[in-house]
PDB file of all heavy atoms in Angstrom:
ATOM      1  N   SER A   1     -56.218  45.363 121.650  1.00  0.00           N
ATOM      2  CA  SER A   1     -56.813  44.005 121.564  1.00  0.00           C
ATOM      3  C   SER A   1     -58.364  44.090 121.304  1.00  0.00           C
ATOM      4  O   SER A   1     -58.903  43.128 120.932  1.00  0.00           O
ATOM      5  CB  SER A   1     -56.612  43.318 122.938  1.00  0.00           C
ATOM      6  OG  SER A   1     -57.155  44.048 123.936  1.00  0.00           O
ATOM      7  N   ILE A   2     -58.966  45.200 121.443  1.00  0.00           N
ATOM      8  CA  ILE A   2     -60.370  45.317 121.199  1.00  0.00           C
ATOM      9  C   ILE A   2     -60.568  45.954 119.845  1.00  0.00           C
ATOM     10  O   ILE A   2     -60.369  47.149 119.589  1.00  0.00           O
ATOM     11  CB  ILE A   2     -61.041  46.351 122.318  1.00  0.00           C
ATOM     12  CG1 ILE A   2     -60.804  45.751 123.609  1.00  0.00           C
ATOM     13  CG2 ILE A   2     -62.523  46.422 121.976  1.00  0.00           C
ATOM     14  CD1 ILE A   2     -61.169  46.673 124.836  1.00  0.00           C
ATOM     15  N   ALA A   3     -60.937  45.075 118.951  1.00  0.00           N
ATOM     16  CA  ALA A   3     -61.204  45.448 117.506  1.00  0.00           C
ATOM     17  C   ALA A   3     -60.076  46.073 116.787  1.00  0.00           C
ATOM     18  O   ALA A   3     -60.270  46.628 115.735  1.00  0.00           O
ATOM     19  CB  ALA A   3     -62.464  46.427 117.432  1.00  0.00           C
ATOM     20  N   GLY A   4     -58.843  45.942 117.288  1.00  0.00           N
ATOM     21  CA  GLY A   4     -57.697  46.589 116.746  1.00  0.00           C
ATOM     22  C   GLY A   4     -57.738  48.122 116.816  1.00  0.00           C
ATOM     23  O   GLY A   4     -57.017  48.771 116.170  1.00  0.00           O
ATOM     24  N   LEU A   5     -58.648  48.616 117.667  1.00  0.00           N
ATOM     25  CA  LEU A   5     -58.886  50.005 117.867  1.00  0.00           C
ATOM     26  C   LEU A   5     -58.610  50.490 119.242  1.00  0.00           C
ATOM     27  O   LEU A   5     -58.239  51.669 119.473  1.00  0.00           O
ATOM     28  CB  LEU A   5     -60.322  50.386 117.435  1.00  0.00           C
ATOM     29  CG  LEU A   5     -60.790  50.062 116.094  1.00  0.00           C
ATOM     30  CD1 LEU A   5     -62.282  50.349 115.932  1.00  0.00           C
ATOM     31  CD2 LEU A   5     -60.106  50.835 115.008  1.00  0.00           C
ATOM     32  N   ILE A   6     -58.847  49.654 120.239  1.00  0.00           N
ATOM     33  CA  ILE A   6     -58.935  50.031 121.673  1.00  0.00           C
ATOM     34  C   ILE A   6     -58.101  49.114 122.480  1.00  0.00           C
ATOM     35  O   ILE A   6     -58.077  47.941 122.266  1.00  0.00           O
ATOM     36  CB  ILE A   6     -60.418  50.024 122.111  1.00  0.00           C
ATOM     37  CG1 ILE A   6     -61.317  50.949 121.335  1.00  0.00           C
ATOM     38  CG2 ILE A   6     -60.456  50.271 123.564  1.00  0.00           C
ATOM     39  CD1 ILE A   6     -62.835  50.764 121.611  1.00  0.00           C
ATOM     40  N   SER A   7     -57.329  49.731 123.471  1.00  0.00           N
ATOM     41  CA  SER A   7     -56.648  49.004 124.373  1.00  0.00           C
ATOM     42  C   SER A   7     -57.438  48.513 125.502  1.00  0.00           C
ATOM     43  O   SER A   7     -58.415  49.206 125.931  1.00  0.00           O
ATOM     44  CB  SER A   7     -55.408  49.773 124.815  1.00  0.00           C
ATOM     45  OG  SER A   7     -54.785  49.082 125.885  1.00  0.00           O
ATOM     46  N   ASP A   8     -57.183  47.337 126.117  1.00  0.00           N
ATOM     47  CA  ASP A   8     -57.812  46.910 127.289  1.00  0.00           C
ATOM     48  C   ASP A   8     -57.059  47.280 128.552  1.00  0.00           C
ATOM     49  O   ASP A   8     -57.497  46.952 129.642  1.00  0.00           O
ATOM     50  CB  ASP A   8     -57.958  45.283 127.244  1.00  0.00           C
ATOM     51  CG  ASP A   8     -58.998  44.810 128.156  1.00  0.00           C
ATOM     52  OD1 ASP A   8     -60.044  45.529 128.447  1.00  0.00           O
ATOM     53  OD2 ASP A   8     -58.800  43.677 128.688  1.00  0.00           O
ATOM     54  N   GLU A   9     -55.977  48.077 128.345  1.00  0.00           N
ATOM     55  CA  GLU A   9     -55.210  48.534 129.502  1.00  0.00           C
ATOM     56  C   GLU A   9     -55.752  49.836 130.083  1.00  0.00           C
ATOM     57  O   GLU A   9     -56.516  50.442 129.438  1.00  0.00           O
ATOM     58  CB  GLU A   9     -53.711  48.721 129.076  1.00  0.00           C
ATOM     59  CG  GLU A   9     -53.034  47.492 128.567  1.00  0.00           C
ATOM     60  CD  GLU A   9     -52.626  46.454 129.644  1.00  0.00           C
ATOM     61  OE1 GLU A   9     -52.850  46.898 130.900  1.00  0.00           O
ATOM     62  OE2 GLU A   9     -52.148  45.408 129.312  1.00  0.00           O
ATOM     63  N   GLN A  10     -55.162  50.181 131.310  1.00  0.00           N
ATOM     64  CA  GLN A  10     -55.566  51.467 131.941  1.00  0.00           C
ATOM     65  C   GLN A  10     -54.962  52.551 131.054  1.00  0.00           C
ATOM     66  O   GLN A  10     -54.041  52.458 130.345  1.00  0.00           O
ATOM     67  CB  GLN A  10     -54.981  51.476 133.332  1.00  0.00           C
ATOM     68  CG  GLN A  10     -55.557  50.499 134.267  1.00  0.00           C
ATOM     69  CD  GLN A  10     -54.908  50.705 135.673  1.00  0.00           C
ATOM     70  OE1 GLN A  10     -53.962  51.401 135.873  1.00  0.00           O
ATOM     71  NE2 GLN A  10     -55.394  49.945 136.668  1.00  0.00           N
ATOM     72  N   ALA A  11     -55.611  53.699 131.215  1.00  0.00           N
ATOM     73  CA  ALA A  11     -55.312  54.900 130.445  1.00  0.00           C
ATOM     74  C   ALA A  11     -53.724  55.253 130.620  1.00  0.00           C
ATOM     75  O   ALA A  11     -53.118  55.605 129.619  1.00  0.00           O
ATOM     76  CB  ALA A  11     -56.117  56.062 130.737  1.00  0.00           C
ATOM     77  N   SER A  12     -53.173  55.179 131.771  1.00  0.00           N
ATOM     78  CA  SER A  12     -51.887  55.505 132.102  1.00  0.00           C
ATOM     79  C   SER A  12     -50.898  54.739 131.310  1.00  0.00           C
ATOM     80  O   SER A  12     -49.824  55.210 130.738  1.00  0.00           O
ATOM     81  CB  SER A  12     -51.552  55.424 133.569  1.00  0.00           C
ATOM     82  OG  SER A  12     -51.832  54.095 133.987  1.00  0.00           O
ATOM     83  N   ILE A  13     -51.224  53.438 131.108  1.00  0.00           N
ATOM     84  CA  ILE A  13     -50.256  52.521 130.276  1.00  0.00           C
ATOM     85  C   ILE A  13     -50.423  52.842 128.849  1.00  0.00           C
ATOM     86  O   ILE A  13     -49.419  52.895 128.118  1.00  0.00           O
ATOM     87  CB  ILE A  13     -50.748  51.043 130.547  1.00  0.00           C
ATOM     88  CG1 ILE A  13     -50.434  50.709 132.092  1.00  0.00           C
ATOM     89  CG2 ILE A  13     -49.868  50.080 129.626  1.00  0.00           C
ATOM     90  CD1 ILE A  13     -50.931  49.339 132.406  1.00  0.00           C
ATOM     91  N   VAL A  14     -51.654  53.063 128.363  1.00  0.00           N
ATOM     92  CA  VAL A  14     -51.814  53.467 126.919  1.00  0.00           C
ATOM     93  C   VAL A  14     -51.041  54.767 126.610  1.00  0.00           C
ATOM     94  O   VAL A  14     -50.313  54.884 125.602  1.00  0.00           O
ATOM     95  CB  VAL A  14     -53.303  53.521 126.594  1.00  0.00           C
ATOM     96  CG1 VAL A  14     -53.488  54.013 125.199  1.00  0.00           C
ATOM     97  CG2 VAL A  14     -54.084  52.264 126.922  1.00  0.00           C
ATOM     98  N   ILE A  15     -51.247  55.743 127.477  1.00  0.00           N
ATOM     99  CA  ILE A  15     -50.560  56.997 127.254  1.00  0.00           C
ATOM    100  C   ILE A  15     -49.039  56.885 127.291  1.00  0.00           C
ATOM    101  O   ILE A  15     -48.390  57.452 126.436  1.00  0.00           O
ATOM    102  CB  ILE A  15     -51.042  58.051 128.351  1.00  0.00           C
ATOM    103  CG1 ILE A  15     -52.499  58.395 128.100  1.00  0.00           C
ATOM    104  CG2 ILE A  15     -50.209  59.309 128.323  1.00  0.00           C
ATOM    105  CD1 ILE A  15     -53.172  59.046 129.341  1.00  0.00           C
ATOM    106  N   GLU A  16     -48.616  56.216 128.224  1.00  0.00           N
ATOM    107  CA  GLU A  16     -47.092  56.001 128.334  1.00  0.00           C
ATOM    108  C   GLU A  16     -46.511  55.358 127.037  1.00  0.00           C
ATOM    109  O   GLU A  16     -45.513  55.891 126.471  1.00  0.00           O
ATOM    110  CB  GLU A  16     -46.808  55.079 129.471  1.00  0.00           C
ATOM    111  CG  GLU A  16     -45.264  54.877 129.613  1.00  0.00           C
ATOM    112  CD  GLU A  16     -44.911  53.974 130.820  1.00  0.00           C
ATOM    113  OE1 GLU A  16     -45.838  53.453 131.487  1.00  0.00           O
ATOM    114  OE2 GLU A  16     -43.654  53.771 131.048  1.00  0.00           O
ATOM    115  N   THR A  17     -47.185  54.262 126.559  1.00  0.00           N
ATOM    116  CA  THR A  17     -46.672  53.672 125.299  1.00  0.00           C
ATOM    117  C   THR A  17     -46.930  54.613 124.121  1.00  0.00           C
ATOM    118  O   THR A  17     -46.004  54.675 123.175  1.00  0.00           O
ATOM    119  CB  THR A  17     -47.469  52.335 125.148  1.00  0.00           C
ATOM    120  OG1 THR A  17     -47.344  51.591 126.376  1.00  0.00           O
ATOM    121  CG2 THR A  17     -46.810  51.602 123.892  1.00  0.00           C
ATOM    122  N   TYR A  18     -48.001  55.308 124.004  1.00  0.00           N
ATOM    123  CA  TYR A  18     -48.202  56.167 122.905  1.00  0.00           C
ATOM    124  C   TYR A  18     -47.263  57.308 122.868  1.00  0.00           C
ATOM    125  O   TYR A  18     -46.833  57.728 121.796  1.00  0.00           O
ATOM    126  CB  TYR A  18     -49.751  56.641 123.046  1.00  0.00           C
ATOM    127  CG  TYR A  18     -50.123  57.471 121.807  1.00  0.00           C
ATOM    128  CD1 TYR A  18     -50.312  56.896 120.591  1.00  0.00           C
ATOM    129  CD2 TYR A  18     -50.271  58.858 121.899  1.00  0.00           C
ATOM    130  CE1 TYR A  18     -50.674  57.670 119.452  1.00  0.00           C
ATOM    131  CE2 TYR A  18     -50.678  59.635 120.803  1.00  0.00           C
ATOM    132  CZ  TYR A  18     -50.908  58.969 119.575  1.00  0.00           C
ATOM    133  OH  TYR A  18     -51.256  59.644 118.529  1.00  0.00           O
ATOM    134  N   GLU A  19     -46.917  57.820 124.015  1.00  0.00           N
ATOM    135  CA  GLU A  19     -45.916  58.869 124.052  1.00  0.00           C
ATOM    136  C   GLU A  19     -44.570  58.420 123.677  1.00  0.00           C
ATOM    137  O   GLU A  19     -43.780  59.129 123.037  1.00  0.00           O
ATOM    138  CB  GLU A  19     -45.868  59.500 125.474  1.00  0.00           C
ATOM    139  CG  GLU A  19     -47.093  60.336 125.752  1.00  0.00           C
ATOM    140  CD  GLU A  19     -47.084  60.918 127.217  1.00  0.00           C
ATOM    141  OE1 GLU A  19     -46.315  60.468 128.043  1.00  0.00           O
ATOM    142  OE2 GLU A  19     -47.798  61.965 127.447  1.00  0.00           O
ATOM    143  N   LYS A  20     -44.218  57.196 123.948  1.00  0.00           N
ATOM    144  CA  LYS A  20     -42.970  56.537 123.486  1.00  0.00           C
ATOM    145  C   LYS A  20     -42.909  56.477 121.921  1.00  0.00           C
ATOM    146  O   LYS A  20     -42.035  56.742 121.282  1.00  0.00           O
ATOM    147  CB  LYS A  20     -42.769  55.130 124.056  1.00  0.00           C
ATOM    148  CG  LYS A  20     -42.290  55.153 125.520  1.00  0.00           C
ATOM    149  CD  LYS A  20     -42.155  53.783 126.033  1.00  0.00           C
ATOM    150  CE  LYS A  20     -41.686  53.737 127.485  1.00  0.00           C
ATOM    151  NZ  LYS A  20     -41.587  52.299 128.041  1.00  0.00           N
ATOM    152  N   LEU A  21     -44.157  56.009 121.363  1.00  0.00           N
ATOM    153  CA  LEU A  21     -44.250  56.006 119.938  1.00  0.00           C
ATOM    154  C   LEU A  21     -43.979  57.471 119.284  1.00  0.00           C
ATOM    155  O   LEU A  21     -43.281  57.550 118.235  1.00  0.00           O
ATOM    156  CB  LEU A  21     -45.629  55.452 119.561  1.00  0.00           C
ATOM    157  CG  LEU A  21     -45.781  53.962 119.647  1.00  0.00           C
ATOM    158  CD1 LEU A  21     -47.299  53.630 119.682  1.00  0.00           C
ATOM    159  CD2 LEU A  21     -45.021  53.265 118.553  1.00  0.00           C
ATOM    160  N   ASN A  22     -44.564  58.346 119.931  1.00  0.00           N
ATOM    161  CA  ASN A  22     -44.456  59.761 119.343  1.00  0.00           C
ATOM    162  C   ASN A  22     -42.998  60.278 119.485  1.00  0.00           C
ATOM    163  O   ASN A  22     -42.531  60.948 118.603  1.00  0.00           O
ATOM    164  CB  ASN A  22     -45.437  60.723 120.028  1.00  0.00           C
ATOM    165  CG  ASN A  22     -46.879  60.562 119.491  1.00  0.00           C
ATOM    166  OD1 ASN A  22     -47.068  60.216 118.389  1.00  0.00           O
ATOM    167  ND2 ASN A  22     -47.841  60.812 120.438  1.00  0.00           N
ATOM    168  N   GLU A  23     -42.349  59.854 120.499  1.00  0.00           N
ATOM    169  CA  GLU A  23     -40.927  60.209 120.657  1.00  0.00           C
ATOM    170  C   GLU A  23     -40.049  59.610 119.607  1.00  0.00           C
ATOM    171  O   GLU A  23     -39.273  60.241 118.945  1.00  0.00           O
ATOM    172  CB  GLU A  23     -40.392  59.787 122.056  1.00  0.00           C
ATOM    173  CG  GLU A  23     -40.942  60.643 123.220  1.00  0.00           C
ATOM    174  CD  GLU A  23     -40.498  60.069 124.557  1.00  0.00           C
ATOM    175  OE1 GLU A  23     -39.574  59.188 124.586  1.00  0.00           O
ATOM    176  OE2 GLU A  23     -41.047  60.508 125.570  1.00  0.00           O
ATOM    177  N   LYS A  24     -40.396  58.329 119.347  1.00  0.00           N
ATOM    178  CA  LYS A  24     -39.598  57.602 118.335  1.00  0.00           C
ATOM    179  C   LYS A  24     -39.996  58.106 116.961  1.00  0.00           C
ATOM    180  O   LYS A  24     -39.105  57.995 116.046  1.00  0.00           O
ATOM    181  CB  LYS A  24     -39.801  56.102 118.508  1.00  0.00           C
ATOM    182  CG  LYS A  24     -39.120  55.553 119.778  1.00  0.00           C
ATOM    183  CD  LYS A  24     -39.323  54.042 119.864  1.00  0.00           C
ATOM    184  CE  LYS A  24     -38.662  53.557 121.177  1.00  0.00           C
ATOM    185  NZ  LYS A  24     -37.212  53.809 121.256  1.00  0.00           N
ATOM    186  N   ILE A  25     -41.144  58.509 116.678  1.00  0.00           N
ATOM    187  CA  ILE A  25     -41.495  59.092 115.401  1.00  0.00           C
ATOM    188  C   ILE A  25     -40.637  60.213 115.035  1.00  0.00           C
ATOM    189  O   ILE A  25     -40.136  60.328 113.861  1.00  0.00           O
ATOM    190  CB  ILE A  25     -43.054  59.511 115.384  1.00  0.00           C
ATOM    191  CG1 ILE A  25     -43.829  58.209 115.056  1.00  0.00           C
ATOM    192  CG2 ILE A  25     -43.333  60.586 114.406  1.00  0.00           C
ATOM    193  CD1 ILE A  25     -45.374  58.488 114.977  1.00  0.00           C
TER     194      ILE A  25
END
């Protein structure tokens, strides 16, 4: 949500979602 570059969420939430993306990749 921040400039299309940065999440406004806590690091743990960002990491969890990013790891899901990498698994699905």
